[in-house]
Amino acid sequence: MNKNIRKYKWILQGIAIYEVIGGLIGIGIISQQLVQNVNINILPLIGLPFYLFSCYAGVRLFIKKEFGLYPSQLLQLLQVLAISFGGYTYLFSSGGLIFLGFNGATESFQIQFSIFSSSYYLSFNRLGYPDFFYVNLLPFMILALIEGTKNRIMQLANPG
């Protein structure tokens, strides 16, 4: 195998490890919530498939490298927007976030940064919760890195 191709595959393995760690952190958070909650509440379990998918995407990318890109790309797209409006909320991040957006509670533009953390929040018809709209820039960076790495590997594998 070309030494340069191997260098680029390490980038994909790094992203894969990041995705698995994010998924495991999320699963850990959900497990902690379930253990600490004395009332029977299945709501945290709704987030479990998201974090399991994060682990799956990372493992597939780690094993299959450039042939395992699609689950990783989908995982990143699921994390792009975080929104709460009219009592409905969706927020999912696995591994970290760089949020830029508007927070209705403070009526201000905000920047939030977190690495090696996972967040999940989903609510329906919860009036009184402050509205917000955030764009997570970290998935865009990871998608650009995935796409650039894939293109570079293809160029090196098929010169000419």
Foldseek 3Di string as FASTA:
>chain_A
DDPVLVVLLVVLLVLLVLLLLQLVQLVVVLVVVCVPDPDDDCVSVVCNVLSVLSNVLSVQCNVVPLVSVVSVLVNLVLQFKWWDDQFWTWHWDGFWFWKWWAWQVVRDTDTDTDGSHIDTDTTHNHPPDTTMIIGTCVSVVVVVSSVVSSVVSVCVVDPD
